[in-house]
Amino acid sequence: MYFAALLARTEDGWEASDTELDDVETLSDLVELARDASDDDTVIVFIEQEDAWFGLVRIEGEEDPRIYVSDGAAAARSSYGEMLTREILGDDPEDLIDELESLDLDGTEDGEPLDADGDEDDEAGSVAAEAVPAAPVGDRLILADLGLPPAELLALETDALAEIADALGAGEVLEAVR
């Protein structure tokens, strides 16, 4: 089951509304839904699937949307998550390899993956070409200017959307539509 909501920043603060994704088949459909729901400059679409993964899509006027997904592999197994991960990673395995190489989740320099012995994993590229990473993918800076730095975003696990809304000062309005 999915939970989806739109959070729009207005002159008076944040406004939230739940939304149905039944008619959403593409990222363009999702962006259009968000733009139609609010004339405001900043709209954030929250999508969550039963604590398995969450996604954020930030729309600023007519700019291209910015996307973040908490767990690429979990999201890729669902229709809406697959739509978001495909947009982030593309269909080209080289895009996926580039995304994995940019990760710095294990504390190594340049995000180079390590195997159990602490050596660089020579098979990372071939694994990357075959699977979506079970790690965050997308724009880690998506909410940095709104008060949620990348390190805090990457650390979120359960009830992430409530924590994100709280960090943005919109916890109460999001809870009202949950």
N, C-alpha and C. Protein backbone atom coordinates (compact mmCIF):
# COMPACT_ATOMS: atom_id res chain seq x y z
N MET A 1 0.83 -1.16 0.00
CA MET A 1 0.00 0.00 0.00
C MET A 1 0.89 1.25 0.00
N TYR A 2 0.46 2.23 -0.73
CA TYR A 2 1.20 3.47 -0.85
C TYR A 2 0.54 4.57 -0.02
N PHE A 3 1.36 5.47 0.46
CA PHE A 3 0.88 6.74 0.99
C PHE A 3 1.51 7.81 0.12
N ALA A 4 0.71 8.73 -0.37
CA ALA A 4 1.24 9.82 -1.19
C ALA A 4 0.60 11.12 -0.74
N ALA A 5 1.42 12.15 -0.66
CA ALA A 5 0.93 13.47 -0.27
C ALA A 5 1.73 14.53 -1.00
N LEU A 6 1.10 15.68 -1.15
CA LEU A 6 1.75 16.85 -1.72
C LEU A 6 1.94 17.85 -0.60
N LEU A 7 3.11 18.44 -0.54
CA LEU A 7 3.41 19.47 0.44
C LEU A 7 3.83 20.70 -0.34
N ALA A 8 3.05 21.77 -0.21
CA ALA A 8 3.32 23.00 -0.97
C ALA A 8 3.70 24.11 -0.02
N ARG A 9 4.77 24.81 -0.34
CA ARG A 9 5.19 25.94 0.48
C ARG A 9 4.49 27.19 -0.03
N THR A 10 3.75 27.83 0.88
CA THR A 10 3.01 29.04 0.55
C THR A 10 3.56 30.20 1.37
N GLU A 11 3.01 31.38 1.15
CA GLU A 11 3.41 32.54 1.94
C GLU A 11 3.07 32.35 3.42
N ASP A 12 2.03 31.55 3.69
CA ASP A 12 1.57 31.32 5.06
C ASP A 12 2.19 30.08 5.70
N GLY A 13 3.12 29.43 5.04
CA GLY A 13 3.72 28.20 5.55
C GLY A 13 3.41 27.04 4.62
N TRP A 14 3.50 25.85 5.15
CA TRP A 14 3.29 24.64 4.35
C TRP A 14 1.82 24.24 4.37
N GLU A 15 1.34 23.75 3.24
CA GLU A 15 0.02 23.16 3.11
C GLU A 15 0.20 21.75 2.57
N ALA A 16 -0.55 20.82 3.13
CA ALA A 16 -0.44 19.43 2.70
C ALA A 16 -1.78 18.94 2.18
N SER A 17 -1.71 18.01 1.24
CA SER A 17 -2.91 17.33 0.75
C SER A 17 -2.52 15.93 0.35
N ASP A 18 -3.40 14.98 0.69
CA ASP A 18 -3.12 13.62 0.23
C ASP A 18 -3.49 13.55 -1.24
N THR A 19 -2.95 12.59 -1.91
CA THR A 19 -3.20 12.50 -3.34
C THR A 19 -3.30 11.05 -3.76
N GLU A 20 -4.09 10.82 -4.76
CA GLU A 20 -4.23 9.49 -5.35
C GLU A 20 -3.30 9.39 -6.55
N LEU A 21 -2.64 8.28 -6.66
CA LEU A 21 -1.70 8.08 -7.76
C LEU A 21 -2.27 7.17 -8.85
N ASP A 22 -3.56 6.90 -8.78
CA ASP A 22 -4.18 5.97 -9.72
C ASP A 22 -3.95 6.33 -11.19
N ASP A 23 -3.97 7.62 -11.51
CA ASP A 23 -3.82 8.05 -12.90
C ASP A 23 -2.38 8.38 -13.27
N VAL A 24 -1.45 8.15 -12.36
CA VAL A 24 -0.04 8.45 -12.60
C VAL A 24 0.65 7.23 -13.19
N GLU A 25 1.13 7.39 -14.42
CA GLU A 25 1.85 6.31 -15.09
C GLU A 25 3.30 6.68 -15.40
N THR A 26 3.57 7.99 -15.43
CA THR A 26 4.91 8.46 -15.75
C THR A 26 5.29 9.58 -14.79
N LEU A 27 6.57 9.92 -14.78
CA LEU A 27 7.02 11.04 -13.97
C LEU A 27 6.34 12.33 -14.44
N SER A 28 6.13 12.48 -15.72
CA SER A 28 5.44 13.67 -16.24
C SER A 28 4.04 13.79 -15.66
N ASP A 29 3.34 12.65 -15.54
CA ASP A 29 2.01 12.66 -14.93
C ASP A 29 2.08 13.14 -13.48
N LEU A 30 3.09 12.66 -12.76
CA LEU A 30 3.25 13.04 -11.35
C LEU A 30 3.57 14.53 -11.22
N VAL A 31 4.45 15.02 -12.06
CA VAL A 31 4.81 16.44 -12.04
C VAL A 31 3.59 17.29 -12.39
N GLU A 32 2.83 16.88 -13.39
CA GLU A 32 1.62 17.62 -13.77
C GLU A 32 0.61 17.63 -12.63
N LEU A 33 0.44 16.50 -11.95
CA LEU A 33 -0.45 16.42 -10.81
C LEU A 33 -0.04 17.41 -9.72
N ALA A 34 1.26 17.48 -9.45
CA ALA A 34 1.76 18.40 -8.43
C ALA A 34 1.57 19.86 -8.84
N ARG A 35 1.86 20.15 -10.08
CA ARG A 35 1.71 21.54 -10.56
C ARG A 35 0.24 21.96 -10.60
N ASP A 36 -0.65 21.04 -10.94
CA ASP A 36 -2.07 21.34 -10.96
C ASP A 36 -2.64 21.55 -9.56
N ALA A 37 -2.07 20.85 -8.59
CA ALA A 37 -2.58 20.92 -7.22
C ALA A 37 -2.18 22.20 -6.51
N SER A 38 -1.12 22.83 -6.97
CA SER A 38 -0.65 24.02 -6.28
C SER A 38 0.01 24.97 -7.26
N ASP A 39 -0.31 26.25 -7.10
CA ASP A 39 0.31 27.28 -7.93
C ASP A 39 1.58 27.81 -7.28
N ASP A 40 1.94 27.24 -6.14
CA ASP A 40 3.09 27.73 -5.40
C ASP A 40 4.40 27.29 -6.05
N ASP A 41 5.46 27.97 -5.66
CA ASP A 41 6.76 27.72 -6.27
C ASP A 41 7.36 26.37 -5.90
N THR A 42 7.23 25.95 -4.66
CA THR A 42 7.84 24.71 -4.21
C THR A 42 6.78 23.71 -3.82
N VAL A 43 6.80 22.56 -4.48
CA VAL A 43 5.90 21.46 -4.15
C VAL A 43 6.77 20.21 -3.99
N ILE A 44 6.53 19.50 -2.90
CA ILE A 44 7.25 18.26 -2.66
C ILE A 44 6.23 17.13 -2.64
N VAL A 45 6.46 16.13 -3.47
CA VAL A 45 5.60 14.95 -3.49
C VAL A 45 6.27 13.90 -2.62
N PHE A 46 5.53 13.40 -1.63
CA PHE A 46 5.99 12.32 -0.77
C PHE A 46 5.31 11.04 -1.24
N ILE A 47 6.08 10.00 -1.44
CA ILE A 47 5.52 8.68 -1.74
C ILE A 47 6.21 7.70 -0.81
N GLU A 48 5.42 6.86 -0.16
CA GLU A 48 5.98 5.86 0.75
C GLU A 48 5.25 4.55 0.52
N GLN A 49 6.01 3.46 0.55
CA GLN A 49 5.39 2.15 0.45
C GLN A 49 5.72 1.36 1.71
N GLU A 50 4.77 1.30 2.61
CA GLU A 50 4.81 0.48 3.82
C GLU A 50 6.19 0.37 4.46
N ASP A 51 6.83 1.45 4.72
CA ASP A 51 8.14 1.50 5.36
C ASP A 51 9.24 0.74 4.60
N ALA A 52 8.96 0.28 3.37
CA ALA A 52 9.98 -0.39 2.58
C ALA A 52 10.89 0.63 1.90
N TRP A 53 10.32 1.73 1.45
CA TRP A 53 11.07 2.80 0.80
C TRP A 53 10.20 4.05 0.78
N PHE A 54 10.86 5.17 0.59
CA PHE A 54 10.13 6.41 0.36
C PHE A 54 10.81 7.18 -0.75
N GLY A 55 10.04 8.01 -1.40
CA GLY A 55 10.57 8.84 -2.47
C GLY A 55 10.10 10.27 -2.31
N LEU A 56 10.93 11.18 -2.76
CA LEU A 56 10.61 12.60 -2.75
C LEU A 56 10.80 13.13 -4.16
N VAL A 57 9.86 13.91 -4.61
CA VAL A 57 9.98 14.58 -5.90
C VAL A 57 9.72 16.06 -5.60
N ARG A 58 10.70 16.88 -5.90
CA ARG A 58 10.57 18.32 -5.64
C ARG A 58 10.39 19.04 -6.96
N ILE A 59 9.33 19.84 -7.02
CA ILE A 59 9.02 20.59 -8.22
C ILE A 59 9.11 22.07 -7.87
N GLU A 60 9.91 22.79 -8.63
CA GLU A 60 10.09 24.24 -8.46
C GLU A 60 9.69 24.91 -9.77
N GLY A 61 8.50 25.44 -9.83
CA GLY A 61 8.05 26.12 -11.03
C GLY A 61 8.13 25.22 -12.25
N GLU A 62 8.79 25.70 -13.29
CA GLU A 62 8.91 24.95 -14.53
C GLU A 62 10.23 24.18 -14.65
N GLU A 63 11.05 24.22 -13.59
CA GLU A 63 12.32 23.50 -13.62
C GLU A 63 12.09 21.99 -13.64
N ASP A 64 13.10 21.25 -14.05
CA ASP A 64 13.03 19.79 -14.02
C ASP A 64 12.88 19.35 -12.57
N PRO A 65 12.12 18.28 -12.34
CA PRO A 65 11.94 17.81 -10.97
C PRO A 65 13.24 17.21 -10.42
N ARG A 66 13.40 17.33 -9.12
CA ARG A 66 14.51 16.71 -8.40
C ARG A 66 13.94 15.51 -7.66
N ILE A 67 14.68 14.39 -7.67
CA ILE A 67 14.13 13.14 -7.15
C ILE A 67 15.13 12.49 -6.20
N TYR A 68 14.59 11.91 -5.14
CA TYR A 68 15.38 11.13 -4.18
C TYR A 68 14.56 9.90 -3.80
N VAL A 69 15.22 8.74 -3.74
CA VAL A 69 14.58 7.49 -3.32
C VAL A 69 15.45 6.86 -2.24
N SER A 70 14.85 6.46 -1.13
CA SER A 70 15.59 5.96 0.02
C SER A 70 16.25 4.61 -0.21
N ASP A 71 15.67 3.75 -1.03
CA ASP A 71 16.22 2.42 -1.30
C ASP A 71 15.87 2.05 -2.73
N GLY A 72 16.86 2.17 -3.60
CA GLY A 72 16.62 1.94 -5.02
C GLY A 72 16.09 0.56 -5.33
N ALA A 73 16.66 -0.47 -4.71
CA ALA A 73 16.25 -1.85 -5.00
C ALA A 73 14.82 -2.11 -4.56
N ALA A 74 14.47 -1.68 -3.35
CA ALA A 74 13.10 -1.88 -2.86
C ALA A 74 12.11 -1.10 -3.73
N ALA A 75 12.45 0.12 -4.07
CA ALA A 75 11.57 0.95 -4.88
C ALA A 75 11.39 0.37 -6.28
N ALA A 76 12.45 -0.18 -6.85
CA ALA A 76 12.39 -0.69 -8.22
C ALA A 76 11.43 -1.87 -8.35
N ARG A 77 11.05 -2.48 -7.22
CA ARG A 77 10.13 -3.61 -7.26
C ARG A 77 8.66 -3.17 -7.20
N SER A 78 8.41 -1.86 -7.22
CA SER A 78 7.04 -1.37 -7.20
C SER A 78 6.85 -0.42 -8.38
N SER A 79 5.61 -0.25 -8.79
CA SER A 79 5.37 0.53 -10.01
C SER A 79 5.81 1.98 -9.88
N TYR A 80 5.44 2.65 -8.80
CA TYR A 80 5.81 4.06 -8.66
C TYR A 80 7.30 4.20 -8.36
N GLY A 81 7.82 3.31 -7.57
CA GLY A 81 9.26 3.35 -7.26
C GLY A 81 10.10 3.07 -8.49
N GLU A 82 9.65 2.15 -9.30
CA GLU A 82 10.37 1.83 -10.53
C GLU A 82 10.41 3.04 -11.46
N MET A 83 9.29 3.77 -11.50
CA MET A 83 9.22 4.98 -12.31
C MET A 83 10.27 5.99 -11.84
N LEU A 84 10.39 6.16 -10.52
CA LEU A 84 11.35 7.12 -9.97
C LEU A 84 12.79 6.65 -10.17
N THR A 85 13.07 5.38 -9.88
CA THR A 85 14.45 4.91 -10.03
C THR A 85 14.89 4.91 -11.48
N ARG A 86 13.99 4.61 -12.40
CA ARG A 86 14.34 4.66 -13.82
C ARG A 86 14.70 6.09 -14.22
N GLU A 87 13.96 7.06 -13.70
CA GLU A 87 14.26 8.46 -14.01
C GLU A 87 15.62 8.86 -13.45
N ILE A 88 15.94 8.38 -12.26
CA ILE A 88 17.22 8.72 -11.63
C ILE A 88 18.37 8.02 -12.32
N LEU A 89 18.23 6.71 -12.52
CA LEU A 89 19.35 5.90 -13.00
C LEU A 89 19.36 5.69 -14.50
N GLY A 90 18.24 5.90 -15.15
CA GLY A 90 18.17 5.67 -16.59
C GLY A 90 18.11 4.19 -16.90
N ASP A 91 18.02 3.88 -18.16
CA ASP A 91 17.97 2.50 -18.60
C ASP A 91 19.35 1.97 -18.94
N ASP A 92 20.34 2.85 -19.01
CA ASP A 92 21.69 2.47 -19.39
C ASP A 92 22.47 1.99 -18.17
N PRO A 93 23.00 0.77 -18.19
CA PRO A 93 23.78 0.26 -17.06
C PRO A 93 24.95 1.17 -16.67
N GLU A 94 25.51 1.89 -17.62
CA GLU A 94 26.60 2.80 -17.29
C GLU A 94 26.14 3.91 -16.35
N ASP A 95 24.87 4.36 -16.51
CA ASP A 95 24.32 5.36 -15.59
C ASP A 95 24.26 4.80 -14.18
N LEU A 96 23.86 3.53 -14.06
CA LEU A 96 23.78 2.89 -12.76
C LEU A 96 25.16 2.75 -12.13
N ILE A 97 26.15 2.38 -12.92
CA ILE A 97 27.51 2.26 -12.41
C ILE A 97 28.01 3.61 -11.91
N ASP A 98 27.75 4.67 -12.69
CA ASP A 98 28.16 6.01 -12.26
C ASP A 98 27.49 6.40 -10.95
N GLU A 99 26.21 6.08 -10.81
CA GLU A 99 25.48 6.40 -9.57
C GLU A 99 26.08 5.65 -8.39
N LEU A 100 26.36 4.37 -8.56
CA LEU A 100 26.94 3.59 -7.47
C LEU A 100 28.33 4.09 -7.09
N GLU A 101 29.11 4.47 -8.07
CA GLU A 101 30.46 4.95 -7.78
C GLU A 101 30.43 6.28 -7.04
N SER A 102 29.34 7.03 -7.15
CA SER A 102 29.26 8.32 -6.46
C SER A 102 28.84 8.17 -5.00
N LEU A 103 28.38 6.98 -4.62
CA LEU A 103 27.96 6.78 -3.23
C LEU A 103 29.15 6.80 -2.30
N ASP A 104 28.95 7.35 -1.12
CA ASP A 104 29.99 7.35 -0.09
C ASP A 104 29.34 6.92 1.22
N LEU A 105 28.71 5.76 1.19
CA LEU A 105 27.96 5.29 2.34
C LEU A 105 28.82 4.49 3.32
N ASP A 106 29.96 4.01 2.88
CA ASP A 106 30.78 3.19 3.77
C ASP A 106 31.97 3.94 4.33
N GLY A 107 32.07 5.23 4.07
CA GLY A 107 33.15 6.03 4.63
C GLY A 107 34.44 5.98 3.84
N THR A 108 34.48 5.28 2.72
CA THR A 108 35.70 5.23 1.94
C THR A 108 35.80 6.47 1.07
N GLU A 109 37.02 6.80 0.69
CA GLU A 109 37.21 7.95 -0.16
C GLU A 109 36.60 7.68 -1.53
N ASP A 110 35.92 8.66 -2.06
CA ASP A 110 35.26 8.58 -3.36
C ASP A 110 34.18 7.52 -3.41
N GLY A 111 33.78 6.97 -2.25
CA GLY A 111 32.69 6.00 -2.23
C GLY A 111 33.04 4.66 -2.83
N GLU A 112 34.33 4.29 -2.89
CA GLU A 112 34.72 3.03 -3.48
C GLU A 112 34.27 1.88 -2.58
N PRO A 113 33.54 0.90 -3.14
CA PRO A 113 33.04 -0.19 -2.31
C PRO A 113 34.17 -1.09 -1.85
N LEU A 114 33.98 -1.68 -0.67
CA LEU A 114 34.95 -2.61 -0.11
C LEU A 114 34.33 -3.98 0.01
N ASP A 115 35.15 -5.03 -0.17
CA ASP A 115 34.64 -6.37 0.11
C ASP A 115 34.90 -6.70 1.57
N ALA A 116 34.62 -7.89 2.01
CA ALA A 116 34.72 -8.27 3.42
C ALA A 116 36.14 -8.12 3.96
N ASP A 117 37.17 -8.22 3.12
CA ASP A 117 38.55 -8.11 3.57
C ASP A 117 39.04 -6.67 3.56
N GLY A 118 38.20 -5.74 3.13
CA GLY A 118 38.61 -4.34 3.08
C GLY A 118 39.25 -3.96 1.77
N ASP A 119 39.29 -4.88 0.81
CA ASP A 119 39.86 -4.59 -0.50
C ASP A 119 38.78 -4.05 -1.41
N GLU A 120 39.21 -3.32 -2.43
CA GLU A 120 38.24 -2.83 -3.39
C GLU A 120 37.58 -4.01 -4.09
N ASP A 121 36.31 -3.88 -4.33
CA ASP A 121 35.53 -4.93 -4.95
C ASP A 121 35.58 -4.77 -6.46
N ASP A 122 36.33 -5.66 -7.13
CA ASP A 122 36.48 -5.58 -8.58
C ASP A 122 35.20 -5.93 -9.32
N GLU A 123 34.28 -6.61 -8.63
CA GLU A 123 33.05 -7.02 -9.29
C GLU A 123 31.95 -5.99 -9.18
N ALA A 124 32.20 -4.86 -8.53
CA ALA A 124 31.15 -3.87 -8.31
C ALA A 124 30.52 -3.42 -9.62
N GLY A 125 31.31 -3.19 -10.64
CA GLY A 125 30.76 -2.74 -11.91
C GLY A 125 29.83 -3.75 -12.54
N SER A 126 30.19 -5.05 -12.51
CA SER A 126 29.34 -6.05 -13.12
C SER A 126 28.07 -6.25 -12.31
N VAL A 127 28.14 -6.16 -10.97
CA VAL A 127 26.95 -6.27 -10.15
C VAL A 127 26.05 -5.07 -10.41
N ALA A 128 26.65 -3.89 -10.51
CA ALA A 128 25.88 -2.67 -10.72
C ALA A 128 25.08 -2.74 -12.01
N ALA A 129 25.66 -3.34 -13.04
CA ALA A 129 24.98 -3.42 -14.32
C ALA A 129 23.77 -4.34 -14.26
N GLU A 130 23.73 -5.23 -13.28
CA GLU A 130 22.65 -6.21 -13.21
C GLU A 130 21.56 -5.87 -12.20
N ALA A 131 21.81 -4.94 -11.28
CA ALA A 131 20.84 -4.69 -10.22
C ALA A 131 20.82 -3.22 -9.82
N VAL A 132 19.69 -2.82 -9.33
CA VAL A 132 19.54 -1.48 -8.76
C VAL A 132 20.08 -1.54 -7.34
N PRO A 133 20.81 -0.55 -6.89
CA PRO A 133 21.42 -0.61 -5.55
C PRO A 133 20.38 -0.59 -4.43
N ALA A 134 20.64 -1.38 -3.40
CA ALA A 134 19.81 -1.36 -2.20
C ALA A 134 20.35 -0.25 -1.30
N ALA A 135 20.32 0.95 -1.84
CA ALA A 135 20.87 2.12 -1.18
C ALA A 135 20.12 3.35 -1.69
N PRO A 136 20.27 4.47 -1.02
CA PRO A 136 19.65 5.69 -1.51
C PRO A 136 20.18 6.08 -2.89
N VAL A 137 19.28 6.57 -3.72
CA VAL A 137 19.66 7.05 -5.05
C VAL A 137 18.98 8.38 -5.30
N GLY A 138 19.61 9.20 -6.09
CA GLY A 138 19.01 10.47 -6.46
C GLY A 138 19.69 11.66 -5.81
N ASP A 139 18.97 12.74 -5.77
CA ASP A 139 19.47 14.04 -5.32
C ASP A 139 19.46 14.13 -3.79
N ARG A 140 20.62 13.91 -3.20
CA ARG A 140 20.73 13.95 -1.73
C ARG A 140 20.60 15.37 -1.17
N LEU A 141 20.72 16.37 -2.01
CA LEU A 141 20.60 17.77 -1.60
C LEU A 141 19.17 18.30 -1.78
N ILE A 142 18.24 17.44 -2.08
CA ILE A 142 16.88 17.82 -2.44
C ILE A 142 16.21 18.72 -1.40
N LEU A 143 16.53 18.54 -0.13
CA LEU A 143 15.90 19.33 0.93
C LEU A 143 16.90 20.12 1.76
N ALA A 144 18.15 20.17 1.33
CA ALA A 144 19.19 20.83 2.11
C ALA A 144 18.87 22.31 2.36
N ASP A 145 18.39 23.00 1.36
CA ASP A 145 18.08 24.42 1.52
C ASP A 145 16.83 24.66 2.35
N LEU A 146 16.08 23.61 2.64
CA LEU A 146 14.86 23.72 3.44
C LEU A 146 15.08 23.24 4.88
N GLY A 147 16.31 22.88 5.22
CA GLY A 147 16.61 22.52 6.60
C GLY A 147 16.91 21.06 6.86
N LEU A 148 17.02 20.23 5.82
CA LEU A 148 17.35 18.82 6.03
C LEU A 148 18.62 18.48 5.25
N PRO A 149 19.78 18.50 5.93
CA PRO A 149 21.04 18.22 5.26
C PRO A 149 21.10 16.77 4.74
N PRO A 150 21.94 16.52 3.76
CA PRO A 150 22.04 15.18 3.17
C PRO A 150 22.35 14.08 4.18
N ALA A 151 23.22 14.35 5.14
CA ALA A 151 23.57 13.31 6.13
C ALA A 151 22.35 12.88 6.92
N GLU A 152 21.49 13.82 7.27
CA GLU A 152 20.27 13.48 8.02
C GLU A 152 19.28 12.75 7.12
N LEU A 153 19.17 13.15 5.86
CA LEU A 153 18.28 12.48 4.93
C LEU A 153 18.71 11.03 4.73
N LEU A 154 20.00 10.80 4.57
CA LEU A 154 20.51 9.45 4.37
C LEU A 154 20.34 8.57 5.60
N ALA A 155 20.25 9.16 6.78
CA ALA A 155 20.14 8.40 8.02
C ALA A 155 18.70 7.99 8.34
N LEU A 156 17.73 8.54 7.64
CA LEU A 156 16.33 8.24 7.93
C LEU A 156 15.98 6.80 7.58
N GLU A 157 15.18 6.17 8.44
CA GLU A 157 14.75 4.80 8.16
C GLU A 157 13.24 4.68 8.30
N THR A 158 12.75 4.37 9.51
CA THR A 158 11.31 4.21 9.69
C THR A 158 10.67 5.56 10.00
N ASP A 159 9.43 5.70 9.59
CA ASP A 159 8.65 6.92 9.76
C ASP A 159 9.40 8.14 9.20
N ALA A 160 10.08 7.94 8.11
CA ALA A 160 10.92 8.97 7.51
C ALA A 160 10.12 10.20 7.08
N LEU A 161 8.95 10.00 6.52
CA LEU A 161 8.19 11.14 6.03
C LEU A 161 7.80 12.08 7.17
N ALA A 162 7.46 11.53 8.31
CA ALA A 162 7.13 12.37 9.47
C ALA A 162 8.36 13.15 9.92
N GLU A 163 9.51 12.50 9.93
CA GLU A 163 10.74 13.19 10.32
C GLU A 163 11.12 14.28 9.32
N ILE A 164 10.92 14.01 8.04
CA ILE A 164 11.20 15.01 7.01
C ILE A 164 10.26 16.21 7.19
N ALA A 165 8.99 15.93 7.35
CA ALA A 165 8.01 17.01 7.53
C ALA A 165 8.33 17.83 8.78
N ASP A 166 8.73 17.17 9.86
CA ASP A 166 9.11 17.89 11.08
C ASP A 166 10.31 18.80 10.82
N ALA A 167 11.30 18.29 10.10
CA ALA A 167 12.49 19.09 9.80
C ALA A 167 12.15 20.31 8.95
N LEU A 168 11.13 20.19 8.12
CA LEU A 168 10.70 21.30 7.27
C LEU A 168 9.74 22.24 7.99
N GLY A 169 9.32 21.85 9.18
CA GLY A 169 8.33 22.66 9.90
C GLY A 169 6.92 22.40 9.44
N ALA A 170 6.68 21.23 8.86
CA ALA A 170 5.37 20.90 8.30
C ALA A 170 4.81 19.61 8.88
N GLY A 171 5.30 19.20 10.03
CA GLY A 171 4.87 17.94 10.62
C GLY A 171 3.39 17.86 10.88
N GLU A 172 2.83 18.91 11.45
CA GLU A 172 1.40 18.90 11.78
C GLU A 172 0.52 18.86 10.54
N VAL A 173 0.88 19.60 9.51
CA VAL A 173 0.03 19.63 8.31
C VAL A 173 0.11 18.30 7.56
N LEU A 174 1.26 17.63 7.59
CA LEU A 174 1.36 16.33 6.94
C LEU A 174 0.57 15.29 7.73
N GLU A 175 0.67 15.32 9.05
CA GLU A 175 -0.08 14.36 9.88
C GLU A 175 -1.58 14.52 9.68
N ALA A 176 -2.03 15.72 9.41
CA ALA A 176 -3.45 15.97 9.23
C ALA A 176 -4.00 15.23 8.01
N VAL A 177 -3.17 14.95 7.01
CA VAL A 177 -3.65 14.26 5.81
C VAL A 177 -3.32 12.77 5.82
N ARG A 178 -2.59 12.33 6.80
CA ARG A 178 -2.21 10.91 6.88
C ARG A 178 -3.36 10.05 7.27
